[in-house]
Amino acid sequence: MDLFSNRKVFQGVADRRQMFRMFDRHALRPNRWDSDASALYAGEWFEIGASEHDYMLNILPPLWIRPDMFAMREFLTGSVTSVFFALSMGGTIRYFHGYCDLAERQAAERMRVAIMTREDKPVKAMTRDERLEHIWSETSDGYRGYADMKWPEPLRGERTIVVFGANRQQSVKRLCDLTDAEISSKLPVHLRYLPELAAA
């Protein structure tokens, strides 16, 4: 994914616990303090509730505020910060959090358009990437991680996840290598049978 791509990383409306957990989905990455992580975070977005939106608005004075969005004053990494959206969709206001790289002038507006476009789909559906991102967001730290020195050098640092085989035997796979069956088994029941969305 390029630096400015926008991607949905959670299906449904995140509650406060989930929201705070997803603020730093990449906390366990290798070399956390040694490199710029802008590309990991910039473009990630998910839906939240009205109370979570208002709670974040009242924590600190925003960096800036517009009619349907505001940006947090504290930056996560580099020029990436949280932008919160209140968007009118079908006569209802819905709320979202996204990470925008403010070094890119139109980042917040591009994300607003991306969210509106994605959420305007008439039928609930998920792309394969969205399924994988939802699994990553929901999996506890004990069952997700990053390829370490035991992996071939070209794969080190890639996201990994524990899978269970016959007799509950555990193995570790790259997140991107999960089979359709493994993806289905890791999704909550209400998401397993959503149709495939070719392009979000």
N, C-alpha and C. Protein backbone atom coordinates (compact mmCIF):
# COMPACT_ATOMS: atom_id res chain seq x y z
N MET A 1 0.84 -1.20 0.00
CA MET A 1 0.00 0.00 0.00
C MET A 1 0.88 1.25 0.00
N ASP A 2 0.54 2.21 -0.85
CA ASP A 2 1.34 3.42 -0.86
C ASP A 2 0.96 4.32 0.31
N LEU A 3 1.78 5.32 0.51
CA LEU A 3 1.66 6.16 1.70
C LEU A 3 0.29 6.80 1.84
N PHE A 4 -0.32 7.19 0.71
CA PHE A 4 -1.55 7.95 0.79
C PHE A 4 -2.80 7.13 0.47
N SER A 5 -2.72 5.80 0.41
CA SER A 5 -3.91 4.99 0.17
C SER A 5 -4.78 5.01 1.41
N ASN A 6 -6.09 4.98 1.22
CA ASN A 6 -7.03 4.96 2.33
C ASN A 6 -7.66 3.57 2.42
N ARG A 7 -7.70 3.03 3.63
CA ARG A 7 -8.15 1.66 3.79
C ARG A 7 -8.93 1.47 5.09
N LYS A 8 -10.01 0.76 4.98
CA LYS A 8 -10.85 0.45 6.14
C LYS A 8 -10.22 -0.71 6.89
N VAL A 9 -10.07 -0.56 8.22
CA VAL A 9 -9.34 -1.58 8.98
C VAL A 9 -10.20 -2.27 10.04
N PHE A 10 -11.50 -1.95 10.06
CA PHE A 10 -12.39 -2.58 11.05
C PHE A 10 -13.80 -2.52 10.50
N GLN A 11 -14.52 -3.64 10.60
CA GLN A 11 -15.90 -3.69 10.12
C GLN A 11 -16.85 -3.47 11.30
N GLY A 12 -17.79 -2.55 11.14
CA GLY A 12 -18.71 -2.24 12.22
C GLY A 12 -18.29 -0.96 12.93
N VAL A 13 -18.95 -0.69 14.05
CA VAL A 13 -18.68 0.52 14.82
C VAL A 13 -17.85 0.16 16.04
N ALA A 14 -16.65 0.70 16.13
CA ALA A 14 -15.76 0.39 17.24
C ALA A 14 -16.22 1.07 18.51
N ASP A 15 -16.25 0.32 19.61
CA ASP A 15 -16.54 0.93 20.90
C ASP A 15 -15.27 1.60 21.43
N ARG A 16 -15.34 2.19 22.61
CA ARG A 16 -14.20 2.96 23.11
C ARG A 16 -12.97 2.11 23.32
N ARG A 17 -13.14 0.91 23.87
CA ARG A 17 -12.00 0.02 24.07
C ARG A 17 -11.35 -0.34 22.74
N GLN A 18 -12.17 -0.70 21.78
CA GLN A 18 -11.65 -1.05 20.46
C GLN A 18 -10.98 0.14 19.79
N MET A 19 -11.57 1.31 19.94
CA MET A 19 -11.01 2.51 19.35
C MET A 19 -9.59 2.77 19.87
N PHE A 20 -9.43 2.75 21.18
CA PHE A 20 -8.10 3.02 21.74
C PHE A 20 -7.10 1.94 21.35
N ARG A 21 -7.56 0.71 21.26
CA ARG A 21 -6.67 -0.37 20.86
C ARG A 21 -6.21 -0.19 19.42
N MET A 22 -7.10 0.27 18.57
CA MET A 22 -6.75 0.42 17.15
C MET A 22 -5.97 1.69 16.87
N PHE A 23 -5.93 2.61 17.82
CA PHE A 23 -5.09 3.79 17.63
C PHE A 23 -3.63 3.39 17.39
N ASP A 24 -3.21 2.26 17.96
CA ASP A 24 -1.83 1.83 17.75
C ASP A 24 -1.80 0.34 17.42
N ARG A 25 -2.36 0.00 16.26
CA ARG A 25 -2.43 -1.39 15.82
C ARG A 25 -1.05 -1.97 15.53
N HIS A 26 -0.06 -1.13 15.39
CA HIS A 26 1.27 -1.59 15.00
C HIS A 26 2.29 -1.40 16.12
N ALA A 27 1.80 -1.40 17.35
CA ALA A 27 2.67 -1.09 18.50
C ALA A 27 3.81 -2.10 18.66
N LEU A 28 3.60 -3.35 18.27
CA LEU A 28 4.62 -4.38 18.49
C LEU A 28 5.56 -4.55 17.31
N ARG A 29 5.52 -3.64 16.35
CA ARG A 29 6.37 -3.78 15.18
C ARG A 29 7.85 -3.74 15.58
N PRO A 30 8.69 -4.46 14.83
CA PRO A 30 10.13 -4.41 15.12
C PRO A 30 10.67 -3.00 14.92
N ASN A 31 11.70 -2.69 15.63
CA ASN A 31 12.38 -1.39 15.48
C ASN A 31 11.39 -0.23 15.62
N ARG A 32 10.50 -0.35 16.60
CA ARG A 32 9.45 0.65 16.78
C ARG A 32 9.99 2.07 16.84
N TRP A 33 11.12 2.25 17.47
CA TRP A 33 11.63 3.61 17.70
C TRP A 33 12.72 4.00 16.70
N ASP A 34 13.02 3.12 15.76
CA ASP A 34 14.16 3.36 14.88
C ASP A 34 13.80 3.88 13.50
N SER A 35 12.51 3.93 13.16
CA SER A 35 12.17 4.32 11.79
C SER A 35 10.85 5.09 11.77
N ASP A 36 10.63 5.79 10.67
CA ASP A 36 9.40 6.53 10.47
C ASP A 36 8.30 5.55 10.08
N ALA A 37 7.22 5.50 10.85
CA ALA A 37 6.14 4.54 10.61
C ALA A 37 4.97 5.17 9.87
N SER A 38 5.17 6.30 9.24
CA SER A 38 4.06 7.00 8.58
C SER A 38 3.31 6.11 7.61
N ALA A 39 4.04 5.31 6.83
CA ALA A 39 3.40 4.47 5.81
C ALA A 39 2.51 3.39 6.43
N LEU A 40 2.81 2.98 7.67
CA LEU A 40 1.99 1.97 8.33
C LEU A 40 0.62 2.53 8.71
N TYR A 41 0.59 3.78 9.15
CA TYR A 41 -0.62 4.35 9.72
C TYR A 41 -1.43 5.21 8.75
N ALA A 42 -0.74 6.00 7.94
CA ALA A 42 -1.44 6.97 7.09
C ALA A 42 -2.44 6.26 6.19
N GLY A 43 -3.69 6.71 6.24
CA GLY A 43 -4.75 6.14 5.41
C GLY A 43 -5.65 5.16 6.11
N GLU A 44 -5.28 4.68 7.30
CA GLU A 44 -6.15 3.74 8.02
C GLU A 44 -7.37 4.48 8.59
N TRP A 45 -8.55 3.87 8.46
CA TRP A 45 -9.75 4.48 9.04
C TRP A 45 -10.74 3.42 9.49
N PHE A 46 -11.60 3.82 10.43
CA PHE A 46 -12.65 2.93 10.92
C PHE A 46 -13.76 3.78 11.54
N GLU A 47 -14.92 3.16 11.70
CA GLU A 47 -16.09 3.87 12.22
C GLU A 47 -16.12 3.81 13.75
N ILE A 48 -16.57 4.89 14.35
CA ILE A 48 -16.72 4.97 15.81
C ILE A 48 -18.12 5.50 16.12
N GLY A 49 -18.47 5.56 17.39
CA GLY A 49 -19.75 6.10 17.81
C GLY A 49 -19.69 7.59 18.10
N ALA A 50 -20.86 8.20 18.25
CA ALA A 50 -20.93 9.63 18.53
C ALA A 50 -20.24 9.99 19.84
N SER A 51 -20.42 9.16 20.87
CA SER A 51 -19.82 9.49 22.17
C SER A 51 -18.30 9.43 22.10
N GLU A 52 -17.74 8.48 21.30
CA GLU A 52 -16.29 8.40 21.15
C GLU A 52 -15.77 9.62 20.40
N HIS A 53 -16.49 10.04 19.36
CA HIS A 53 -16.12 11.24 18.61
C HIS A 53 -16.09 12.46 19.53
N ASP A 54 -17.14 12.64 20.31
CA ASP A 54 -17.23 13.82 21.18
C ASP A 54 -16.20 13.76 22.30
N TYR A 55 -15.93 12.56 22.79
CA TYR A 55 -14.92 12.39 23.83
C TYR A 55 -13.56 12.88 23.33
N MET A 56 -13.19 12.48 22.11
CA MET A 56 -11.90 12.88 21.57
C MET A 56 -11.85 14.38 21.27
N LEU A 57 -12.97 14.95 20.89
CA LEU A 57 -13.02 16.39 20.63
C LEU A 57 -12.74 17.19 21.89
N ASN A 58 -13.13 16.65 23.03
CA ASN A 58 -13.00 17.37 24.29
C ASN A 58 -11.71 17.09 25.05
N ILE A 59 -10.87 16.18 24.55
CA ILE A 59 -9.62 15.86 25.26
C ILE A 59 -8.65 17.04 25.22
N LEU A 60 -8.39 17.55 24.03
CA LEU A 60 -7.46 18.66 23.84
C LEU A 60 -8.04 19.61 22.80
N PRO A 61 -7.63 20.87 22.83
CA PRO A 61 -8.04 21.74 21.71
C PRO A 61 -7.53 21.15 20.40
N PRO A 62 -8.38 21.05 19.38
CA PRO A 62 -7.93 20.46 18.11
C PRO A 62 -6.84 21.30 17.45
N LEU A 63 -6.08 20.65 16.59
CA LEU A 63 -5.11 21.36 15.76
C LEU A 63 -5.85 22.29 14.81
N TRP A 64 -6.92 21.79 14.22
CA TRP A 64 -7.86 22.59 13.42
C TRP A 64 -9.21 21.89 13.43
N ILE A 65 -10.24 22.66 13.13
CA ILE A 65 -11.59 22.13 13.11
C ILE A 65 -12.33 22.71 11.91
N ARG A 66 -13.09 21.84 11.23
CA ARG A 66 -13.90 22.22 10.08
C ARG A 66 -15.31 21.70 10.33
N PRO A 67 -16.27 22.06 9.47
CA PRO A 67 -17.66 21.68 9.75
C PRO A 67 -17.88 20.17 9.96
N ASP A 68 -17.13 19.32 9.25
CA ASP A 68 -17.38 17.88 9.38
C ASP A 68 -16.15 17.09 9.81
N MET A 69 -15.13 17.77 10.32
CA MET A 69 -13.93 17.05 10.76
C MET A 69 -13.07 17.93 11.68
N PHE A 70 -12.24 17.27 12.47
CA PHE A 70 -11.22 17.99 13.24
C PHE A 70 -9.99 17.11 13.36
N ALA A 71 -8.83 17.75 13.54
CA ALA A 71 -7.56 17.03 13.65
C ALA A 71 -7.01 17.17 15.06
N MET A 72 -6.41 16.09 15.55
CA MET A 72 -5.78 16.12 16.86
C MET A 72 -4.47 16.90 16.81
N ARG A 73 -4.19 17.60 17.89
CA ARG A 73 -2.98 18.41 17.98
C ARG A 73 -1.73 17.56 18.12
N GLU A 74 -1.84 16.40 18.77
CA GLU A 74 -0.68 15.54 18.99
C GLU A 74 -0.51 14.60 17.80
N PHE A 75 0.70 14.57 17.24
CA PHE A 75 0.99 13.72 16.09
C PHE A 75 1.44 12.34 16.56
N LEU A 76 0.99 11.32 15.84
CA LEU A 76 1.36 9.95 16.17
C LEU A 76 2.79 9.66 15.75
N THR A 77 3.10 9.98 14.51
CA THR A 77 4.43 9.75 13.97
C THR A 77 4.64 10.68 12.78
N GLY A 78 5.79 11.31 12.73
CA GLY A 78 6.06 12.24 11.63
C GLY A 78 4.96 13.29 11.53
N SER A 79 4.36 13.40 10.36
CA SER A 79 3.28 14.36 10.15
C SER A 79 1.91 13.69 10.11
N VAL A 80 1.81 12.47 10.68
CA VAL A 80 0.55 11.72 10.72
C VAL A 80 -0.16 11.99 12.04
N THR A 81 -1.43 12.36 11.96
CA THR A 81 -2.23 12.56 13.16
C THR A 81 -3.64 12.05 12.95
N SER A 82 -4.40 11.96 14.03
CA SER A 82 -5.79 11.53 13.97
C SER A 82 -6.68 12.63 13.45
N VAL A 83 -7.55 12.27 12.52
CA VAL A 83 -8.61 13.17 12.06
C VAL A 83 -9.93 12.46 12.32
N PHE A 84 -10.85 13.17 12.94
CA PHE A 84 -12.17 12.62 13.26
C PHE A 84 -13.21 13.27 12.37
N PHE A 85 -14.11 12.45 11.85
CA PHE A 85 -15.10 12.90 10.88
C PHE A 85 -16.52 12.69 11.42
N ALA A 86 -17.40 13.62 11.11
CA ALA A 86 -18.84 13.49 11.36
C ALA A 86 -19.52 13.72 10.02
N LEU A 87 -19.94 12.63 9.36
CA LEU A 87 -20.37 12.68 7.97
C LEU A 87 -21.84 12.31 7.83
N SER A 88 -22.55 13.10 7.08
CA SER A 88 -23.97 12.84 6.83
C SER A 88 -24.11 11.80 5.72
N MET A 89 -24.75 10.68 6.04
CA MET A 89 -24.96 9.61 5.07
C MET A 89 -26.39 9.12 5.17
N GLY A 90 -27.15 9.30 4.10
CA GLY A 90 -28.52 8.83 4.09
C GLY A 90 -29.38 9.43 5.18
N GLY A 91 -29.12 10.69 5.52
CA GLY A 91 -29.90 11.36 6.54
C GLY A 91 -29.45 11.09 7.96
N THR A 92 -28.36 10.35 8.13
CA THR A 92 -27.82 10.02 9.45
C THR A 92 -26.38 10.50 9.54
N ILE A 93 -26.00 11.02 10.70
CA ILE A 93 -24.61 11.40 10.93
C ILE A 93 -23.85 10.17 11.44
N ARG A 94 -22.78 9.83 10.76
CA ARG A 94 -21.91 8.73 11.18
C ARG A 94 -20.52 9.28 11.46
N TYR A 95 -19.79 8.58 12.33
CA TYR A 95 -18.54 9.11 12.85
C TYR A 95 -17.38 8.16 12.53
N PHE A 96 -16.24 8.74 12.23
CA PHE A 96 -15.09 7.95 11.81
C PHE A 96 -13.80 8.54 12.36
N HIS A 97 -12.82 7.65 12.53
CA HIS A 97 -11.45 8.07 12.85
C HIS A 97 -10.56 7.64 11.71
N GLY A 98 -9.62 8.51 11.32
CA GLY A 98 -8.64 8.14 10.32
C GLY A 98 -7.30 8.77 10.62
N TYR A 99 -6.24 8.13 10.14
CA TYR A 99 -4.91 8.71 10.25
C TYR A 99 -4.55 9.37 8.93
N CYS A 100 -4.29 10.66 8.98
CA CYS A 100 -3.95 11.43 7.79
C CYS A 100 -2.54 11.99 7.92
N ASP A 101 -1.80 11.94 6.82
CA ASP A 101 -0.48 12.56 6.77
C ASP A 101 -0.68 13.99 6.30
N LEU A 102 -0.58 14.92 7.23
CA LEU A 102 -0.88 16.31 6.91
C LEU A 102 0.21 16.99 6.09
N ALA A 103 1.29 16.27 5.81
CA ALA A 103 2.27 16.79 4.86
C ALA A 103 1.69 16.79 3.45
N GLU A 104 0.65 15.98 3.25
CA GLU A 104 -0.04 15.93 1.97
C GLU A 104 -1.28 16.81 2.10
N ARG A 105 -1.33 17.91 1.36
CA ARG A 105 -2.30 18.98 1.61
C ARG A 105 -3.75 18.51 1.65
N GLN A 106 -4.13 17.63 0.78
CA GLN A 106 -5.52 17.20 0.67
C GLN A 106 -5.80 15.87 1.37
N ALA A 107 -4.92 15.45 2.28
CA ALA A 107 -5.06 14.13 2.89
C ALA A 107 -6.41 13.95 3.59
N ALA A 108 -6.82 14.92 4.39
CA ALA A 108 -8.08 14.79 5.13
C ALA A 108 -9.28 14.77 4.19
N GLU A 109 -9.24 15.62 3.18
CA GLU A 109 -10.34 15.65 2.21
C GLU A 109 -10.39 14.36 1.39
N ARG A 110 -9.22 13.86 1.01
CA ARG A 110 -9.19 12.60 0.29
C ARG A 110 -9.75 11.46 1.13
N MET A 111 -9.44 11.47 2.42
CA MET A 111 -9.98 10.43 3.28
C MET A 111 -11.49 10.57 3.43
N ARG A 112 -11.97 11.78 3.57
CA ARG A 112 -13.42 12.00 3.67
C ARG A 112 -14.12 11.42 2.44
N VAL A 113 -13.59 11.70 1.27
CA VAL A 113 -14.18 11.18 0.02
C VAL A 113 -14.10 9.66 -0.01
N ALA A 114 -12.96 9.10 0.41
CA ALA A 114 -12.79 7.64 0.40
C ALA A 114 -13.80 6.97 1.33
N ILE A 115 -14.00 7.55 2.52
CA ILE A 115 -14.96 6.98 3.47
C ILE A 115 -16.37 7.05 2.89
N MET A 116 -16.74 8.21 2.37
CA MET A 116 -18.08 8.37 1.80
C MET A 116 -18.31 7.40 0.65
N THR A 117 -17.31 7.24 -0.20
CA THR A 117 -17.43 6.33 -1.34
C THR A 117 -17.57 4.89 -0.88
N ARG A 118 -16.71 4.49 0.07
CA ARG A 118 -16.75 3.10 0.56
C ARG A 118 -18.06 2.81 1.27
N GLU A 119 -18.53 3.71 2.10
CA GLU A 119 -19.71 3.45 2.90
C GLU A 119 -21.01 3.67 2.12
N ASP A 120 -20.91 4.15 0.90
CA ASP A 120 -22.09 4.34 0.06
C ASP A 120 -22.49 3.06 -0.66
N LYS A 121 -21.71 1.98 -0.49
CA LYS A 121 -22.04 0.72 -1.15
C LYS A 121 -23.40 0.23 -0.66
N PRO A 122 -24.31 -0.17 -1.57
CA PRO A 122 -25.66 -0.53 -1.16
C PRO A 122 -25.76 -1.85 -0.41
N VAL A 123 -24.79 -2.75 -0.61
CA VAL A 123 -24.83 -4.06 0.03
C VAL A 123 -23.59 -4.20 0.90
N LYS A 124 -23.78 -4.72 2.10
CA LYS A 124 -22.62 -4.94 2.95
C LYS A 124 -21.71 -5.98 2.30
N ALA A 125 -20.45 -5.65 2.20
CA ALA A 125 -19.47 -6.54 1.58
C ALA A 125 -18.10 -6.17 2.11
N MET A 126 -17.14 -7.06 1.92
CA MET A 126 -15.78 -6.81 2.36
C MET A 126 -14.81 -7.32 1.30
N THR A 127 -13.75 -6.58 1.07
CA THR A 127 -12.68 -7.08 0.22
C THR A 127 -11.84 -8.07 1.04
N ARG A 128 -11.00 -8.81 0.36
CA ARG A 128 -10.08 -9.70 1.07
C ARG A 128 -9.18 -8.89 2.00
N ASP A 129 -8.67 -7.77 1.51
CA ASP A 129 -7.80 -6.93 2.35
C ASP A 129 -8.53 -6.45 3.59
N GLU A 130 -9.80 -6.07 3.46
CA GLU A 130 -10.58 -5.62 4.62
C GLU A 130 -10.79 -6.75 5.61
N ARG A 131 -10.98 -7.95 5.11
CA ARG A 131 -11.10 -9.10 6.01
C ARG A 131 -9.81 -9.31 6.80
N LEU A 132 -8.68 -9.23 6.10
CA LEU A 132 -7.40 -9.40 6.78
C LEU A 132 -7.15 -8.29 7.80
N GLU A 133 -7.48 -7.06 7.44
CA GLU A 133 -7.27 -5.95 8.37
C GLU A 133 -8.18 -6.08 9.59
N HIS A 134 -9.41 -6.54 9.39
CA HIS A 134 -10.32 -6.73 10.52
C HIS A 134 -9.75 -7.80 11.46
N ILE A 135 -9.26 -8.88 10.89
CA ILE A 135 -8.67 -9.95 11.70
C ILE A 135 -7.49 -9.40 12.50
N TRP A 136 -6.62 -8.62 11.83
CA TRP A 136 -5.46 -8.04 12.54
C TRP A 136 -5.93 -7.13 13.67
N SER A 137 -6.95 -6.31 13.41
CA SER A 137 -7.45 -5.38 14.43
C SER A 137 -8.03 -6.11 15.64
N GLU A 138 -8.66 -7.26 15.42
CA GLU A 138 -9.36 -7.95 16.49
C GLU A 138 -8.52 -9.00 17.21
N THR A 139 -7.41 -9.41 16.63
CA THR A 139 -6.59 -10.46 17.24
C THR A 139 -5.76 -9.88 18.38
N SER A 140 -5.73 -10.58 19.50
CA SER A 140 -4.96 -10.10 20.64
C SER A 140 -3.46 -10.22 20.35
N ASP A 141 -2.67 -9.41 21.06
CA ASP A 141 -1.24 -9.35 20.79
C ASP A 141 -0.55 -10.70 20.96
N GLY A 142 -1.09 -11.57 21.80
CA GLY A 142 -0.48 -12.88 22.00
C GLY A 142 -0.57 -13.78 20.79
N TYR A 143 -1.44 -13.43 19.84
CA TYR A 143 -1.65 -14.28 18.67
C TYR A 143 -1.32 -13.57 17.35
N ARG A 144 -0.71 -12.40 17.43
CA ARG A 144 -0.26 -11.71 16.23
C ARG A 144 1.12 -11.14 16.50
N GLY A 145 1.88 -10.95 15.44
CA GLY A 145 3.23 -10.43 15.64
C GLY A 145 3.87 -10.12 14.31
N TYR A 146 5.19 -10.23 14.29
CA TYR A 146 5.96 -9.88 13.10
C TYR A 146 7.03 -10.93 12.88
N ALA A 147 7.31 -11.23 11.62
CA ALA A 147 8.33 -12.21 11.29
C ALA A 147 9.68 -11.77 11.85
N ASP A 148 10.31 -12.67 12.62
CA ASP A 148 11.57 -12.32 13.28
C ASP A 148 12.76 -12.96 12.57
N MET A 149 13.85 -13.11 13.29
CA MET A 149 15.09 -13.62 12.70
C MET A 149 14.98 -15.07 12.25
N LYS A 150 13.97 -15.80 12.69
CA LYS A 150 13.79 -17.19 12.27
C LYS A 150 13.27 -17.29 10.84
N TRP A 151 12.75 -16.18 10.33
CA TRP A 151 12.18 -16.17 8.99
C TRP A 151 13.24 -15.79 7.96
N PRO A 152 13.05 -16.17 6.70
CA PRO A 152 13.99 -15.72 5.65
C PRO A 152 14.06 -14.20 5.65
N GLU A 153 15.21 -13.68 5.37
CA GLU A 153 15.44 -12.24 5.47
C GLU A 153 14.42 -11.39 4.72
N PRO A 154 14.02 -11.77 3.49
CA PRO A 154 13.06 -10.91 2.77
C PRO A 154 11.69 -10.79 3.45
N LEU A 155 11.37 -11.73 4.35
CA LEU A 155 10.05 -11.75 4.99
C LEU A 155 10.06 -11.11 6.39
N ARG A 156 11.23 -10.81 6.90
CA ARG A 156 11.31 -10.29 8.27
C ARG A 156 10.59 -8.96 8.39
N GLY A 157 9.84 -8.83 9.47
CA GLY A 157 9.08 -7.61 9.71
C GLY A 157 7.65 -7.68 9.19
N GLU A 158 7.32 -8.69 8.39
CA GLU A 158 5.95 -8.80 7.89
C GLU A 158 5.03 -9.29 9.01
N ARG A 159 3.76 -8.92 8.92
CA ARG A 159 2.80 -9.30 9.95
C ARG A 159 2.53 -10.79 9.92
N THR A 160 2.47 -11.40 11.10
CA THR A 160 2.19 -12.83 11.23
C THR A 160 1.03 -13.04 12.19
N ILE A 161 0.44 -14.22 12.09
CA ILE A 161 -0.70 -14.53 12.94
C ILE A 161 -0.72 -16.02 13.23
N VAL A 162 -1.15 -16.38 14.42
CA VAL A 162 -1.24 -17.79 14.82
C VAL A 162 -2.50 -18.41 14.21
N VAL A 163 -2.33 -19.58 13.63
CA VAL A 163 -3.47 -20.34 13.12
C VAL A 163 -3.49 -21.69 13.81
N PHE A 164 -4.68 -22.27 13.89
CA PHE A 164 -4.85 -23.55 14.56
C PHE A 164 -5.24 -24.61 13.54
N GLY A 165 -4.51 -25.72 13.54
CA GLY A 165 -4.80 -26.80 12.62
C GLY A 165 -5.50 -27.95 13.34
N ALA A 166 -5.30 -29.14 12.82
CA ALA A 166 -5.90 -30.34 13.42
C ALA A 166 -5.41 -30.50 14.86
N ASN A 167 -6.30 -30.95 15.71
CA ASN A 167 -5.99 -31.15 17.14
C ASN A 167 -5.50 -29.87 17.81
N ARG A 168 -5.96 -28.72 17.27
CA ARG A 168 -5.63 -27.40 17.84
C ARG A 168 -4.14 -27.12 17.84
N GLN A 169 -3.41 -27.75 16.93
CA GLN A 169 -1.99 -27.45 16.81
C GLN A 169 -1.79 -26.05 16.26
N GLN A 170 -0.87 -25.32 16.86
CA GLN A 170 -0.62 -23.94 16.46
C GLN A 170 0.51 -23.86 15.43
N SER A 171 0.35 -22.97 14.50
CA SER A 171 1.43 -22.62 13.59
C SER A 171 1.33 -21.13 13.32
N VAL A 172 2.39 -20.56 12.80
CA VAL A 172 2.42 -19.12 12.54
C VAL A 172 2.55 -18.91 11.03
N LYS A 173 1.67 -18.06 10.49
CA LYS A 173 1.69 -17.75 9.06
C LYS A 173 1.74 -16.24 8.88
N ARG A 174 2.21 -15.83 7.71
CA ARG A 174 2.05 -14.42 7.37
C ARG A 174 0.57 -14.12 7.23
N LEU A 175 0.17 -12.96 7.69
CA LEU A 175 -1.24 -12.57 7.59
C LEU A 175 -1.72 -12.65 6.14
N CYS A 176 -0.91 -12.20 5.22
CA CYS A 176 -1.31 -12.17 3.81
C CYS A 176 -1.43 -13.55 3.20
N ASP A 177 -0.92 -14.60 3.87
CA ASP A 177 -0.96 -15.96 3.33
C ASP A 177 -2.14 -16.78 3.85
N LEU A 178 -3.00 -16.19 4.68
CA LEU A 178 -4.15 -16.94 5.19
C LEU A 178 -5.02 -17.41 4.03
N THR A 179 -5.48 -18.65 4.11
CA THR A 179 -6.40 -19.17 3.11
C THR A 179 -7.80 -18.63 3.37
N ASP A 180 -8.68 -18.79 2.40
CA ASP A 180 -10.07 -18.35 2.58
C ASP A 180 -10.70 -19.03 3.78
N ALA A 181 -10.41 -20.32 3.97
CA ALA A 181 -10.97 -21.06 5.11
C ALA A 181 -10.44 -20.52 6.43
N GLU A 182 -9.16 -20.20 6.47
CA GLU A 182 -8.57 -19.65 7.69
C GLU A 182 -9.13 -18.26 7.98
N ILE A 183 -9.31 -17.47 6.95
CA ILE A 183 -9.90 -16.15 7.13
C ILE A 183 -11.31 -16.29 7.70
N SER A 184 -12.10 -17.17 7.11
CA SER A 184 -13.48 -17.37 7.57
C SER A 184 -13.52 -17.80 9.03
N SER A 185 -12.61 -18.69 9.42
CA SER A 185 -12.62 -19.19 10.80
C SER A 185 -12.25 -18.12 11.81
N LYS A 186 -11.52 -17.09 11.37
CA LYS A 186 -11.09 -16.04 12.29
C LYS A 186 -12.03 -14.85 12.34
N LEU A 187 -12.97 -14.78 11.40
CA LEU A 187 -13.94 -13.70 11.42
C LEU A 187 -15.11 -14.04 12.33
N PRO A 188 -15.73 -13.05 12.97
CA PRO A 188 -16.96 -13.32 13.72
C PRO A 188 -18.04 -13.82 12.76
N VAL A 189 -18.97 -14.58 13.29
CA VAL A 189 -19.97 -15.25 12.46
C VAL A 189 -20.70 -14.28 11.55
N HIS A 190 -21.06 -13.10 12.05
CA HIS A 190 -21.86 -12.17 11.25
C HIS A 190 -21.09 -11.57 10.08
N LEU A 191 -19.76 -11.79 10.02
CA LEU A 191 -18.98 -11.28 8.90
C LEU A 191 -18.53 -12.37 7.94
N ARG A 192 -18.70 -13.63 8.29
CA ARG A 192 -18.12 -14.71 7.50
C ARG A 192 -18.74 -14.84 6.11
N TYR A 193 -20.00 -14.51 6.00
CA TYR A 193 -20.69 -14.80 4.74
C TYR A 193 -21.04 -13.55 3.96
N LEU A 194 -20.40 -12.43 4.29
CA LEU A 194 -20.62 -11.24 3.48
C LEU A 194 -20.03 -11.47 2.10
N PRO A 195 -20.66 -10.91 1.07
CA PRO A 195 -20.12 -11.10 -0.27
C PRO A 195 -18.77 -10.42 -0.43
N GLU A 196 -18.00 -10.91 -1.40
CA GLU A 196 -16.70 -10.32 -1.70
C GLU A 196 -16.89 -9.03 -2.46
N LEU A 197 -16.20 -8.00 -2.00
CA LEU A 197 -16.24 -6.70 -2.69
C LEU A 197 -14.95 -6.57 -3.46
N ALA A 198 -15.07 -6.44 -4.77
CA ALA A 198 -13.87 -6.45 -5.62
C ALA A 198 -13.02 -5.21 -5.40
N ALA A 199 -13.65 -4.08 -5.23
CA ALA A 199 -12.90 -2.83 -5.05
C ALA A 199 -13.64 -1.92 -4.11
N ALA A 200 -12.97 -1.52 -3.03
CA ALA A 200 -13.63 -0.66 -2.04
C ALA A 200 -13.40 0.79 -2.39
